[in-house]
Amino acid sequence: MTEEVMYADLRFMAPEKSQDQDLQTARPKDSPSPSSFWRLATVAFGVFCLSSVVAAGVLAARFILVCHPGRERDENFTLQKAIVESLSQQLELLRAQNLNLTETVKQLANSRGRVCIPCPDNWLQHGENCYRFSKEWKTWQESKAQCSALESTLLKIESKEELV
């Protein structure tokens, strides 16, 4: 039996360098490392985010200032509406009281045996007579026609006592 001998050449290589070490050795000394690039990118992104937040705050403040007068106008409108409603209620109450007083005056006049009818609006009452004063200048005929239309007569003063 023959024995064959084989020879093998073994070469040991130095352990492989990590990728970071390869990049550091392949790069010139004055270029930034990848970690410093990411730091720079992170800082830039942070500055961008901060400026975006500040801009949003400024825009929000301006929006509030623009909308604020509208809110005051709405509050004033609501207040005015409440005042008008209150005055309308008071007016209705006064109209009801006026109607009640008119009816009371009629009842009192009837109970005394005289018929007393209150004067129309814009007329003045003196005793049992009603008077209407006009500021318009008209001829005698025009004034007489207007009095007839109002179912009245022109005033004729016959004595000094009547004038007073």
N, C-alpha and C. Protein backbone atom coordinates (compact mmCIF):
# COMPACT_ATOMS: atom_id res chain seq x y z
N MET A 1 0.81 -1.12 0.00
CA MET A 1 0.00 0.00 0.00
C MET A 1 0.88 1.22 0.00
N THR A 2 0.51 2.02 -0.85
CA THR A 2 1.31 3.21 -0.94
C THR A 2 0.53 4.37 -0.36
N GLU A 3 1.19 5.10 0.24
CA GLU A 3 0.54 6.28 0.84
C GLU A 3 0.91 7.50 0.04
N GLU A 4 -0.09 8.22 -0.19
CA GLU A 4 0.14 9.46 -0.91
C GLU A 4 0.11 10.60 0.08
N VAL A 5 0.94 11.48 -0.12
CA VAL A 5 1.00 12.62 0.78
C VAL A 5 0.60 13.85 -0.01
N MET A 6 -0.24 14.60 0.59
CA MET A 6 -0.69 15.83 -0.05
C MET A 6 -0.23 17.00 0.79
N TYR A 7 0.13 17.92 0.09
CA TYR A 7 0.57 19.13 0.76
C TYR A 7 -0.43 20.23 0.52
N ALA A 8 -0.65 21.01 1.51
CA ALA A 8 -1.57 22.15 1.37
C ALA A 8 -0.86 23.39 1.85
N ASP A 9 -1.15 24.43 1.18
CA ASP A 9 -0.57 25.71 1.55
C ASP A 9 -1.61 26.49 2.34
N LEU A 10 -1.36 26.81 3.54
CA LEU A 10 -2.29 27.58 4.36
C LEU A 10 -1.73 28.97 4.55
N ARG A 11 -2.56 29.90 4.30
CA ARG A 11 -2.16 31.28 4.52
C ARG A 11 -3.16 31.91 5.47
N PHE A 12 -2.68 32.51 6.47
CA PHE A 12 -3.55 33.18 7.44
C PHE A 12 -3.59 34.66 7.13
N MET A 13 -4.79 35.13 7.08
CA MET A 13 -4.94 36.56 6.80
C MET A 13 -5.30 37.25 8.10
N ALA A 14 -4.98 38.48 8.12
CA ALA A 14 -5.31 39.26 9.30
C ALA A 14 -6.84 39.38 9.40
N PRO A 15 -7.38 39.47 10.60
CA PRO A 15 -8.85 39.57 10.72
C PRO A 15 -9.35 40.79 9.93
N GLU A 16 -10.54 40.60 9.35
CA GLU A 16 -11.09 41.68 8.51
C GLU A 16 -11.42 42.89 9.36
N LYS A 17 -11.17 44.02 8.77
CA LYS A 17 -11.50 45.28 9.45
C LYS A 17 -13.00 45.52 9.32
N SER A 18 -13.57 46.20 10.30
CA SER A 18 -15.00 46.52 10.24
C SER A 18 -15.26 47.54 9.13
N GLN A 19 -16.48 47.63 8.70
CA GLN A 19 -16.82 48.54 7.61
C GLN A 19 -16.51 49.97 7.98
N ASP A 20 -16.73 50.34 9.24
CA ASP A 20 -16.43 51.70 9.67
C ASP A 20 -14.95 52.00 9.52
N GLN A 21 -14.13 51.00 9.86
CA GLN A 21 -12.69 51.22 9.77
C GLN A 21 -12.28 51.33 8.32
N ASP A 22 -12.92 50.53 7.43
CA ASP A 22 -12.59 50.62 6.01
C ASP A 22 -12.94 51.99 5.48
N LEU A 23 -14.15 52.52 5.89
CA LEU A 23 -14.56 53.82 5.40
C LEU A 23 -13.65 54.91 5.92
N GLN A 24 -13.20 54.75 7.15
CA GLN A 24 -12.33 55.77 7.73
C GLN A 24 -10.97 55.75 7.05
N THR A 25 -10.49 54.59 6.72
CA THR A 25 -9.18 54.55 6.09
C THR A 25 -9.26 54.95 4.63
N ALA A 26 -10.43 54.72 3.98
CA ALA A 26 -10.56 55.05 2.58
C ALA A 26 -10.83 56.54 2.38
N ARG A 27 -11.29 57.22 3.41
CA ARG A 27 -11.67 58.61 3.31
C ARG A 27 -10.50 59.50 3.68
N PRO A 28 -10.42 60.62 3.01
CA PRO A 28 -9.38 61.56 3.42
C PRO A 28 -9.68 62.11 4.81
N LYS A 29 -8.69 62.58 5.47
CA LYS A 29 -8.80 63.06 6.85
C LYS A 29 -9.70 64.29 6.98
N ASP A 30 -9.79 65.15 5.97
CA ASP A 30 -10.55 66.39 6.10
C ASP A 30 -12.03 66.22 5.79
N SER A 31 -12.50 65.09 5.27
CA SER A 31 -13.93 64.91 5.00
C SER A 31 -14.63 64.46 6.28
N PRO A 32 -15.94 64.88 6.46
CA PRO A 32 -16.63 64.55 7.71
C PRO A 32 -17.00 63.07 7.75
N SER A 33 -17.08 62.57 8.94
CA SER A 33 -17.47 61.17 9.11
C SER A 33 -18.99 61.05 8.96
N PRO A 34 -19.51 59.85 8.66
CA PRO A 34 -20.95 59.69 8.51
C PRO A 34 -21.72 60.09 9.77
N SER A 35 -21.17 59.85 10.92
CA SER A 35 -21.89 60.21 12.15
C SER A 35 -22.00 61.72 12.28
N SER A 36 -21.00 62.47 11.86
CA SER A 36 -21.10 63.92 11.93
C SER A 36 -22.06 64.44 10.87
N PHE A 37 -22.20 63.74 9.74
CA PHE A 37 -23.19 64.12 8.72
C PHE A 37 -24.60 64.00 9.30
N TRP A 38 -24.87 62.90 9.98
CA TRP A 38 -26.20 62.69 10.56
C TRP A 38 -26.46 63.68 11.68
N ARG A 39 -25.44 64.02 12.40
CA ARG A 39 -25.62 65.05 13.44
C ARG A 39 -26.00 66.37 12.81
N LEU A 40 -25.32 66.75 11.74
CA LEU A 40 -25.60 68.00 11.04
C LEU A 40 -27.02 67.98 10.46
N ALA A 41 -27.42 66.84 9.87
CA ALA A 41 -28.76 66.71 9.31
C ALA A 41 -29.81 66.82 10.41
N THR A 42 -29.55 66.22 11.57
CA THR A 42 -30.48 66.26 12.69
C THR A 42 -30.64 67.68 13.21
N VAL A 43 -29.53 68.40 13.32
CA VAL A 43 -29.59 69.79 13.78
C VAL A 43 -30.37 70.64 12.77
N ALA A 44 -30.11 70.46 11.49
CA ALA A 44 -30.82 71.22 10.46
C ALA A 44 -32.32 70.92 10.51
N PHE A 45 -32.66 69.65 10.65
CA PHE A 45 -34.07 69.27 10.74
C PHE A 45 -34.71 69.86 12.00
N GLY A 46 -34.00 69.87 13.10
CA GLY A 46 -34.50 70.46 14.35
C GLY A 46 -34.76 71.95 14.19
N VAL A 47 -33.84 72.66 13.53
CA VAL A 47 -34.01 74.09 13.30
C VAL A 47 -35.24 74.32 12.42
N PHE A 48 -35.40 73.48 11.40
CA PHE A 48 -36.56 73.60 10.51
C PHE A 48 -37.87 73.39 11.30
N CYS A 49 -37.90 72.37 12.13
CA CYS A 49 -39.11 72.10 12.93
C CYS A 49 -39.40 73.24 13.89
N LEU A 50 -38.39 73.76 14.54
CA LEU A 50 -38.58 74.86 15.47
C LEU A 50 -39.11 76.10 14.75
N SER A 51 -38.54 76.40 13.59
CA SER A 51 -39.02 77.57 12.84
C SER A 51 -40.45 77.36 12.36
N SER A 52 -40.80 76.11 12.02
CA SER A 52 -42.18 75.81 11.61
C SER A 52 -43.15 76.03 12.77
N VAL A 53 -42.77 75.62 13.97
CA VAL A 53 -43.62 75.81 15.15
C VAL A 53 -43.80 77.29 15.44
N VAL A 54 -42.72 78.06 15.34
CA VAL A 54 -42.79 79.51 15.58
C VAL A 54 -43.70 80.16 14.54
N ALA A 55 -43.56 79.78 13.27
CA ALA A 55 -44.40 80.35 12.21
C ALA A 55 -45.86 80.01 12.45
N ALA A 56 -46.14 78.78 12.87
CA ALA A 56 -47.52 78.39 13.17
C ALA A 56 -48.08 79.21 14.32
N GLY A 57 -47.26 79.48 15.33
CA GLY A 57 -47.70 80.30 16.46
C GLY A 57 -48.02 81.72 16.03
N VAL A 58 -47.18 82.29 15.18
CA VAL A 58 -47.42 83.65 14.69
C VAL A 58 -48.70 83.70 13.87
N LEU A 59 -48.90 82.72 13.00
CA LEU A 59 -50.12 82.68 12.20
C LEU A 59 -51.36 82.50 13.07
N ALA A 60 -51.26 81.68 14.10
CA ALA A 60 -52.39 81.48 15.01
C ALA A 60 -52.72 82.78 15.75
N ALA A 61 -51.69 83.51 16.18
CA ALA A 61 -51.91 84.78 16.88
C ALA A 61 -52.60 85.78 15.96
N ARG A 62 -52.16 85.84 14.71
CA ARG A 62 -52.79 86.77 13.76
C ARG A 62 -54.24 86.37 13.49
N PHE A 63 -54.48 85.08 13.38
CA PHE A 63 -55.84 84.60 13.15
C PHE A 63 -56.75 84.99 14.30
N ILE A 64 -56.25 84.86 15.52
CA ILE A 64 -57.04 85.22 16.70
C ILE A 64 -57.33 86.72 16.69
N LEU A 65 -56.33 87.53 16.33
CA LEU A 65 -56.53 88.97 16.29
C LEU A 65 -57.55 89.35 15.22
N VAL A 66 -57.53 88.65 14.11
CA VAL A 66 -58.48 88.96 13.04
C VAL A 66 -59.88 88.54 13.44
N CYS A 67 -60.02 87.42 14.10
CA CYS A 67 -61.34 86.91 14.48
C CYS A 67 -61.90 87.60 15.71
N HIS A 68 -61.08 88.19 16.53
CA HIS A 68 -61.54 88.79 17.79
C HIS A 68 -62.57 89.91 17.58
N PRO A 69 -62.36 90.88 16.66
CA PRO A 69 -63.39 91.91 16.47
C PRO A 69 -64.73 91.32 16.04
N GLY A 70 -64.70 90.24 15.27
CA GLY A 70 -65.94 89.59 14.87
C GLY A 70 -66.69 89.05 16.07
N ARG A 71 -65.94 88.52 17.02
CA ARG A 71 -66.55 87.99 18.24
C ARG A 71 -67.18 89.13 19.04
N GLU A 72 -66.49 90.28 19.13
CA GLU A 72 -67.04 91.43 19.86
C GLU A 72 -68.30 91.93 19.16
N ARG A 73 -68.27 91.95 17.82
CA ARG A 73 -69.42 92.40 17.06
C ARG A 73 -70.61 91.47 17.32
N ASP A 74 -70.35 90.17 17.37
CA ASP A 74 -71.41 89.20 17.66
C ASP A 74 -71.97 89.40 19.06
N GLU A 75 -71.08 89.66 20.03
CA GLU A 75 -71.53 89.90 21.40
C GLU A 75 -72.36 91.17 21.47
N ASN A 76 -71.93 92.24 20.76
CA ASN A 76 -72.70 93.48 20.74
C ASN A 76 -74.06 93.26 20.09
N PHE A 77 -74.09 92.49 19.02
CA PHE A 77 -75.35 92.20 18.35
C PHE A 77 -76.29 91.44 19.27
N THR A 78 -75.74 90.47 19.98
CA THR A 78 -76.56 89.69 20.92
C THR A 78 -77.11 90.60 22.02
N LEU A 79 -76.27 91.50 22.53
CA LEU A 79 -76.71 92.44 23.56
C LEU A 79 -77.79 93.37 23.02
N GLN A 80 -77.59 93.90 21.82
CA GLN A 80 -78.59 94.78 21.22
C GLN A 80 -79.90 94.04 20.98
N LYS A 81 -79.80 92.80 20.56
CA LYS A 81 -81.00 91.99 20.33
C LYS A 81 -81.78 91.82 21.64
N ALA A 82 -81.06 91.55 22.73
CA ALA A 82 -81.71 91.40 24.04
C ALA A 82 -82.38 92.70 24.47
N ILE A 83 -81.72 93.82 24.21
CA ILE A 83 -82.29 95.13 24.58
C ILE A 83 -83.55 95.39 23.77
N VAL A 84 -83.51 95.09 22.47
CA VAL A 84 -84.69 95.31 21.62
C VAL A 84 -85.84 94.43 22.08
N GLU A 85 -85.55 93.19 22.43
CA GLU A 85 -86.61 92.30 22.92
C GLU A 85 -87.21 92.83 24.22
N SER A 86 -86.35 93.33 25.11
CA SER A 86 -86.84 93.89 26.38
C SER A 86 -87.71 95.12 26.13
N LEU A 87 -87.26 95.99 25.22
CA LEU A 87 -88.05 97.19 24.91
C LEU A 87 -89.37 96.82 24.23
N SER A 88 -89.35 95.80 23.40
CA SER A 88 -90.59 95.35 22.75
C SER A 88 -91.58 94.84 23.79
N GLN A 89 -91.09 94.11 24.78
CA GLN A 89 -91.96 93.62 25.85
C GLN A 89 -92.54 94.79 26.65
N GLN A 90 -91.69 95.78 26.93
CA GLN A 90 -92.16 96.95 27.67
C GLN A 90 -93.21 97.71 26.86
N LEU A 91 -92.98 97.82 25.54
CA LEU A 91 -93.94 98.51 24.68
C LEU A 91 -95.29 97.80 24.69
N GLU A 92 -95.26 96.49 24.58
CA GLU A 92 -96.51 95.72 24.62
C GLU A 92 -97.23 95.90 25.95
N LEU A 93 -96.46 95.92 27.04
CA LEU A 93 -97.05 96.14 28.36
C LEU A 93 -97.69 97.52 28.45
N LEU A 94 -97.00 98.54 27.93
CA LEU A 94 -97.55 99.89 27.97
C LEU A 94 -98.79 100.02 27.09
N ARG A 95 -98.80 99.34 25.94
CA ARG A 95 -99.99 99.37 25.09
C ARG A 95 -101.18 98.73 25.81
N ALA A 96 -100.91 97.62 26.49
CA ALA A 96 -101.99 96.96 27.23
C ALA A 96 -102.50 97.87 28.34
N GLN A 97 -101.60 98.55 29.05
CA GLN A 97 -102.01 99.47 30.11
C GLN A 97 -102.80 100.64 29.53
N ASN A 98 -102.37 101.15 28.38
CA ASN A 98 -103.07 102.27 27.75
C ASN A 98 -104.49 101.86 27.36
N LEU A 99 -104.62 100.66 26.79
CA LEU A 99 -105.95 100.16 26.42
C LEU A 99 -106.82 100.00 27.65
N ASN A 100 -106.24 99.49 28.73
CA ASN A 100 -106.97 99.31 29.98
C ASN A 100 -107.42 100.67 30.54
N LEU A 101 -106.54 101.66 30.51
CA LEU A 101 -106.90 102.99 31.01
C LEU A 101 -107.98 103.63 30.14
N THR A 102 -107.89 103.45 28.84
CA THR A 102 -108.91 104.01 27.95
C THR A 102 -110.28 103.41 28.26
N GLU A 103 -110.31 102.11 28.46
CA GLU A 103 -111.57 101.45 28.81
C GLU A 103 -112.09 101.94 30.16
N THR A 104 -111.19 102.15 31.10
CA THR A 104 -111.59 102.64 32.43
C THR A 104 -112.19 104.04 32.32
N VAL A 105 -111.56 104.90 31.50
CA VAL A 105 -112.08 106.26 31.32
C VAL A 105 -113.47 106.21 30.70
N LYS A 106 -113.68 105.35 29.73
CA LYS A 106 -115.00 105.23 29.10
C LYS A 106 -116.04 104.75 30.11
N GLN A 107 -115.66 103.78 30.93
CA GLN A 107 -116.59 103.26 31.93
C GLN A 107 -116.94 104.32 32.96
N LEU A 108 -115.94 105.10 33.40
CA LEU A 108 -116.19 106.16 34.37
C LEU A 108 -117.11 107.23 33.79
N ALA A 109 -116.88 107.58 32.54
CA ALA A 109 -117.71 108.61 31.91
C ALA A 109 -119.15 108.11 31.77
N ASN A 110 -119.32 106.87 31.41
CA ASN A 110 -120.66 106.32 31.25
C ASN A 110 -121.37 106.20 32.60
N SER A 111 -120.62 105.90 33.65
CA SER A 111 -121.25 105.76 34.96
C SER A 111 -121.72 107.10 35.52
N ARG A 112 -121.16 108.20 35.06
CA ARG A 112 -121.55 109.53 35.53
C ARG A 112 -122.66 110.12 34.65
N GLY A 113 -123.09 109.39 33.66
CA GLY A 113 -124.18 109.88 32.84
C GLY A 113 -123.73 110.65 31.62
N ARG A 114 -122.46 110.88 31.45
CA ARG A 114 -121.96 111.59 30.27
C ARG A 114 -121.20 110.61 29.40
N VAL A 115 -121.24 110.86 28.14
CA VAL A 115 -120.45 110.04 27.21
C VAL A 115 -119.14 110.77 26.98
N CYS A 116 -118.08 110.16 27.40
CA CYS A 116 -116.76 110.77 27.24
C CYS A 116 -115.92 109.86 26.35
N ILE A 117 -115.55 110.38 25.23
CA ILE A 117 -114.71 109.61 24.32
C ILE A 117 -113.33 110.25 24.30
N PRO A 118 -112.30 109.49 24.61
CA PRO A 118 -110.95 110.08 24.58
C PRO A 118 -110.60 110.61 23.19
N CYS A 119 -109.76 111.59 23.17
CA CYS A 119 -109.36 112.21 21.90
C CYS A 119 -108.50 111.25 21.07
N PRO A 120 -108.56 111.40 19.75
CA PRO A 120 -107.69 110.58 18.89
C PRO A 120 -106.21 110.92 19.14
N ASP A 121 -105.32 110.08 18.59
CA ASP A 121 -103.89 110.32 18.73
C ASP A 121 -103.54 111.68 18.11
N ASN A 122 -102.57 112.35 18.71
CA ASN A 122 -102.06 113.66 18.26
C ASN A 122 -103.07 114.79 18.44
N TRP A 123 -104.10 114.58 19.23
CA TRP A 123 -105.07 115.62 19.57
C TRP A 123 -104.93 115.92 21.05
N LEU A 124 -105.25 117.13 21.45
CA LEU A 124 -105.20 117.53 22.85
C LEU A 124 -106.63 117.65 23.39
N GLN A 125 -106.83 117.22 24.63
CA GLN A 125 -108.15 117.30 25.24
C GLN A 125 -108.14 118.43 26.27
N HIS A 126 -109.19 119.23 26.22
CA HIS A 126 -109.40 120.27 27.22
C HIS A 126 -110.88 120.26 27.56
N GLY A 127 -111.15 119.85 28.81
CA GLY A 127 -112.54 119.69 29.20
C GLY A 127 -113.15 118.55 28.40
N GLU A 128 -114.27 118.87 27.74
CA GLU A 128 -114.93 117.85 26.92
C GLU A 128 -114.60 118.01 25.45
N ASN A 129 -113.69 118.90 25.13
CA ASN A 129 -113.35 119.16 23.73
C ASN A 129 -111.95 118.61 23.38
N CYS A 130 -111.81 118.27 22.11
CA CYS A 130 -110.52 117.81 21.59
C CYS A 130 -110.02 118.82 20.56
N TYR A 131 -108.73 119.09 20.60
CA TYR A 131 -108.14 120.08 19.70
C TYR A 131 -106.96 119.45 18.96
N ARG A 132 -106.87 119.82 17.68
CA ARG A 132 -105.73 119.36 16.87
C ARG A 132 -105.07 120.60 16.30
N PHE A 133 -103.77 120.70 16.55
CA PHE A 133 -103.02 121.84 16.04
C PHE A 133 -102.21 121.39 14.83
N SER A 134 -102.31 122.15 13.77
CA SER A 134 -101.58 121.81 12.55
C SER A 134 -100.52 122.87 12.31
N LYS A 135 -99.39 122.44 11.82
CA LYS A 135 -98.30 123.37 11.52
C LYS A 135 -98.28 123.73 10.04
N GLU A 136 -99.21 123.17 9.28
CA GLU A 136 -99.26 123.44 7.85
C GLU A 136 -100.07 124.71 7.60
N TRP A 137 -99.62 125.51 6.64
CA TRP A 137 -100.34 126.72 6.25
C TRP A 137 -101.25 126.36 5.09
N LYS A 138 -102.56 126.57 5.28
CA LYS A 138 -103.55 126.28 4.24
C LYS A 138 -104.53 127.44 4.14
N THR A 139 -105.22 127.46 3.03
CA THR A 139 -106.26 128.49 2.87
C THR A 139 -107.45 128.12 3.75
N TRP A 140 -108.37 129.09 3.88
CA TRP A 140 -109.55 128.86 4.69
C TRP A 140 -110.34 127.67 4.16
N GLN A 141 -110.52 127.60 2.87
CA GLN A 141 -111.29 126.52 2.25
C GLN A 141 -110.60 125.16 2.45
N GLU A 142 -109.27 125.13 2.29
CA GLU A 142 -108.52 123.87 2.48
C GLU A 142 -108.62 123.40 3.94
N SER A 143 -108.50 124.34 4.87
CA SER A 143 -108.59 124.00 6.30
C SER A 143 -109.97 123.48 6.65
N LYS A 144 -111.03 124.13 6.09
CA LYS A 144 -112.39 123.71 6.37
C LYS A 144 -112.64 122.31 5.81
N ALA A 145 -112.10 122.02 4.63
CA ALA A 145 -112.27 120.70 4.02
C ALA A 145 -111.55 119.63 4.84
N GLN A 146 -110.37 119.97 5.34
CA GLN A 146 -109.63 119.00 6.16
C GLN A 146 -110.37 118.72 7.46
N CYS A 147 -110.92 119.72 8.08
CA CYS A 147 -111.69 119.53 9.31
C CYS A 147 -112.90 118.64 9.05
N SER A 148 -113.57 118.87 7.93
CA SER A 148 -114.74 118.03 7.59
C SER A 148 -114.32 116.58 7.41
N ALA A 149 -113.17 116.37 6.78
CA ALA A 149 -112.67 115.01 6.58
C ALA A 149 -112.37 114.34 7.92
N LEU A 150 -111.98 115.10 8.94
CA LEU A 150 -111.67 114.57 10.27
C LEU A 150 -112.89 114.60 11.19
N GLU A 151 -114.07 114.92 10.63
CA GLU A 151 -115.32 115.03 11.38
C GLU A 151 -115.18 116.01 12.55
N SER A 152 -114.65 117.18 12.20
CA SER A 152 -114.46 118.23 13.21
C SER A 152 -114.77 119.58 12.56
N THR A 153 -114.62 120.64 13.36
CA THR A 153 -114.85 122.00 12.84
C THR A 153 -113.66 122.87 13.20
N LEU A 154 -113.54 123.95 12.48
CA LEU A 154 -112.47 124.90 12.79
C LEU A 154 -112.78 125.58 14.13
N LEU A 155 -111.75 125.93 14.86
CA LEU A 155 -111.90 126.58 16.15
C LEU A 155 -112.29 128.04 15.93
N LYS A 156 -113.29 128.44 16.66
CA LYS A 156 -113.72 129.83 16.61
C LYS A 156 -113.74 130.35 18.03
N ILE A 157 -112.86 131.28 18.33
CA ILE A 157 -112.76 131.84 19.68
C ILE A 157 -113.64 133.08 19.73
N GLU A 158 -114.59 133.06 20.65
CA GLU A 158 -115.57 134.14 20.71
C GLU A 158 -115.38 135.06 21.92
N SER A 159 -114.54 134.67 22.89
CA SER A 159 -114.35 135.53 24.05
C SER A 159 -112.91 135.44 24.54
N LYS A 160 -112.55 136.42 25.37
CA LYS A 160 -111.21 136.46 25.93
C LYS A 160 -110.99 135.28 26.88
N GLU A 161 -112.00 134.89 27.63
CA GLU A 161 -111.91 133.76 28.54
C GLU A 161 -111.62 132.47 27.77
N GLU A 162 -112.27 132.34 26.63
CA GLU A 162 -112.06 131.15 25.80
C GLU A 162 -110.63 131.11 25.29
N LEU A 163 -110.09 132.26 24.95
CA LEU A 163 -108.73 132.35 24.44
C LEU A 163 -107.72 131.94 25.52
N VAL A 164 -107.99 132.33 26.76
CA VAL A 164 -107.09 132.01 27.87
C VAL A 164 -107.22 130.53 28.19
